[in-house]
Amino acid sequence: MKRIIYIAAFTFLGLLVATFVHGLIELPLLRLMTNNFEQWGDSFLWQNWQLIHAVGGGVLWLAGLGFGLWGGVRYWRIVYSEQKR
């Protein structure tokens, strides 16, 4: 049971980090585009922003989930399973 909670917590951490990275990328980009709307208003980026947001967010969440699971399993082995010398 302890192992499952450890891996689930690490996975949740991966999702939190992915959400944080999403914000770090998206907020400055949106600020840039809305502050200079005359230049960005007709651009491909602005016209397809909902699709880019959905696909980019999904990719980041899947990456966070994958890295969280990988890290949880890996560090469980390092911290709890391997014998200390």
C-alpha atoms as a PDB file:
ATOM      1  CA  MET A   1       0.000   0.000   0.000  1.00  0.00           C
ATOM      2  CA  LYS A   2       2.871   2.350   0.827  1.00  0.00           C
ATOM      3  CA  ARG A   3       4.337   1.794  -2.646  1.00  0.00           C
ATOM      4  CA  ILE A   4       1.064   2.654  -4.390  1.00  0.00           C
ATOM      5  CA  ILE A   5       0.674   5.881  -2.404  1.00  0.00           C
ATOM      6  CA  TYR A   6       4.304   6.844  -3.109  1.00  0.00           C
ATOM      7  CA  ILE A   7       3.943   6.311  -6.864  1.00  0.00           C
ATOM      8  CA  ALA A   8       0.542   8.058  -6.946  1.00  0.00           C
ATOM      9  CA  ALA A   9       1.970  11.077  -5.091  1.00  0.00           C
ATOM     10  CA  PHE A  10       4.917  11.241  -7.488  1.00  0.00           C
ATOM     11  CA  THR A  11       2.507  11.031 -10.438  1.00  0.00           C
ATOM     12  CA  PHE A  12       0.445  13.866  -8.967  1.00  0.00           C
ATOM     13  CA  LEU A  13       3.643  15.883  -8.605  1.00  0.00           C
ATOM     14  CA  GLY A  14       4.361  15.270 -12.294  1.00  0.00           C
ATOM     15  CA  LEU A  15       0.912  16.587 -13.218  1.00  0.00           C
ATOM     16  CA  LEU A  16       1.404  19.653 -11.026  1.00  0.00           C
ATOM     17  CA  VAL A  17       4.772  20.402 -12.626  1.00  0.00           C
ATOM     18  CA  ALA A  18       3.252  19.958 -16.093  1.00  0.00           C
ATOM     19  CA  THR A  19       0.477  22.422 -15.229  1.00  0.00           C
ATOM     20  CA  PHE A  20       3.040  24.903 -13.910  1.00  0.00           C
ATOM     21  CA  VAL A  21       5.117  24.613 -17.102  1.00  0.00           C
ATOM     22  CA  HIS A  22       1.944  25.085 -19.161  1.00  0.00           C
ATOM     23  CA  GLY A  23       1.302  28.350 -17.329  1.00  0.00           C
ATOM     24  CA  LEU A  24       4.908  29.485 -17.734  1.00  0.00           C
ATOM     25  CA  ILE A  25       4.625  29.007 -21.482  1.00  0.00           C
ATOM     26  CA  GLU A  26       1.079  30.187 -22.074  1.00  0.00           C
ATOM     27  CA  LEU A  27       0.760  33.326 -19.951  1.00  0.00           C
ATOM     28  CA  PRO A  28       3.704  35.276 -21.434  1.00  0.00           C
ATOM     29  CA  LEU A  29       2.700  34.203 -24.940  1.00  0.00           C
ATOM     30  CA  LEU A  30      -0.890  35.371 -24.454  1.00  0.00           C
ATOM     31  CA  ARG A  31       0.335  38.633 -22.929  1.00  0.00           C
ATOM     32  CA  LEU A  32       2.594  39.193 -25.934  1.00  0.00           C
ATOM     33  CA  MET A  33      -0.217  38.498 -28.403  1.00  0.00           C
ATOM     34  CA  THR A  34      -2.880  40.597 -26.670  1.00  0.00           C
ATOM     35  CA  ASN A  35      -0.576  43.580 -26.081  1.00  0.00           C
ATOM     36  CA  ASN A  36       0.232  43.739 -29.786  1.00  0.00           C
ATOM     37  CA  PHE A  37      -3.063  42.526 -31.245  1.00  0.00           C
ATOM     38  CA  GLU A  38      -2.632  44.442 -34.503  1.00  0.00           C
ATOM     39  CA  GLN A  39       0.337  42.237 -35.355  1.00  0.00           C
ATOM     40  CA  TRP A  40      -0.911  38.928 -33.896  1.00  0.00           C
ATOM     41  CA  GLY A  41      -4.683  39.212 -34.484  1.00  0.00           C
ATOM     42  CA  ASP A  42      -4.661  37.623 -37.932  1.00  0.00           C
ATOM     43  CA  SER A  43      -1.811  35.202 -37.283  1.00  0.00           C
ATOM     44  CA  PHE A  44      -2.031  31.432 -37.474  1.00  0.00           C
ATOM     45  CA  LEU A  45      -1.194  31.244 -33.768  1.00  0.00           C
ATOM     46  CA  TRP A  46      -4.109  33.429 -32.683  1.00  0.00           C
ATOM     47  CA  GLN A  47      -6.620  31.913 -35.134  1.00  0.00           C
ATOM     48  CA  ASN A  48      -5.890  28.376 -33.892  1.00  0.00           C
ATOM     49  CA  TRP A  49      -5.254  29.179 -30.244  1.00  0.00           C
ATOM     50  CA  GLN A  50      -7.940  26.821 -28.858  1.00  0.00           C
ATOM     51  CA  LEU A  51      -6.513  23.870 -30.756  1.00  0.00           C
ATOM     52  CA  ILE A  52      -2.926  24.746 -29.801  1.00  0.00           C
ATOM     53  CA  HIS A  53      -3.988  25.132 -26.154  1.00  0.00           C
ATOM     54  CA  ALA A  54      -5.824  21.799 -26.096  1.00  0.00           C
ATOM     55  CA  VAL A  55      -3.120  19.796 -27.864  1.00  0.00           C
ATOM     56  CA  GLY A  56      -0.246  21.468 -26.010  1.00  0.00           C
ATOM     57  CA  GLY A  57      -1.951  21.066 -22.640  1.00  0.00           C
ATOM     58  CA  GLY A  58      -2.731  17.429 -23.363  1.00  0.00           C
ATOM     59  CA  VAL A  59       0.835  16.693 -24.403  1.00  0.00           C
ATOM     60  CA  LEU A  60       2.180  18.401 -21.284  1.00  0.00           C
ATOM     61  CA  TRP A  61      -0.228  16.486 -19.022  1.00  0.00           C
ATOM     62  CA  LEU A  62       0.690  13.172 -20.636  1.00  0.00           C
ATOM     63  CA  ALA A  63       4.377  14.007 -20.283  1.00  0.00           C
ATOM     64  CA  GLY A  64       3.837  14.951 -16.630  1.00  0.00           C
ATOM     65  CA  LEU A  65       1.923  11.746 -16.031  1.00  0.00           C
ATOM     66  CA  GLY A  66       4.592   9.651 -17.728  1.00  0.00           C
ATOM     67  CA  PHE A  67       7.514  11.307 -15.967  1.00  0.00           C
ATOM     68  CA  GLY A  68       5.662  11.123 -12.651  1.00  0.00           C
ATOM     69  CA  LEU A  69       5.033   7.391 -13.012  1.00  0.00           C
ATOM     70  CA  TRP A  70       8.584   6.790 -14.183  1.00  0.00           C
ATOM     71  CA  GLY A  71      10.035   8.834 -11.331  1.00  0.00           C
ATOM     72  CA  GLY A  72       7.804   7.191  -8.742  1.00  0.00           C
ATOM     73  CA  VAL A  73       8.809   3.679  -9.766  1.00  0.00           C
ATOM     74  CA  ARG A  74      12.466   4.603 -10.155  1.00  0.00           C
ATOM     75  CA  TYR A  75      12.858   6.401  -6.856  1.00  0.00           C
ATOM     76  CA  TRP A  76      10.824   3.795  -5.003  1.00  0.00           C
ATOM     77  CA  ARG A  77      13.449   1.275  -6.050  1.00  0.00           C
ATOM     78  CA  ILE A  78      16.312   3.576  -5.100  1.00  0.00           C
ATOM     79  CA  VAL A  79      14.935   4.705  -1.742  1.00  0.00           C
ATOM     80  CA  TYR A  80      13.122   1.614  -0.440  1.00  0.00           C
ATOM     81  CA  SER A  81      14.090  -1.516  -2.361  1.00  0.00           C
ATOM     82  CA  GLU A  82      17.827  -1.422  -2.918  1.00  0.00           C
ATOM     83  CA  GLN A  83      20.025  -2.374  -0.014  1.00  0.00           C
ATOM     84  CA  LYS A  84      22.026   0.450   1.421  1.00  0.00           C
ATOM     85  CA  ARG A  85      25.802  -0.034   1.557  1.00  0.00           C
END
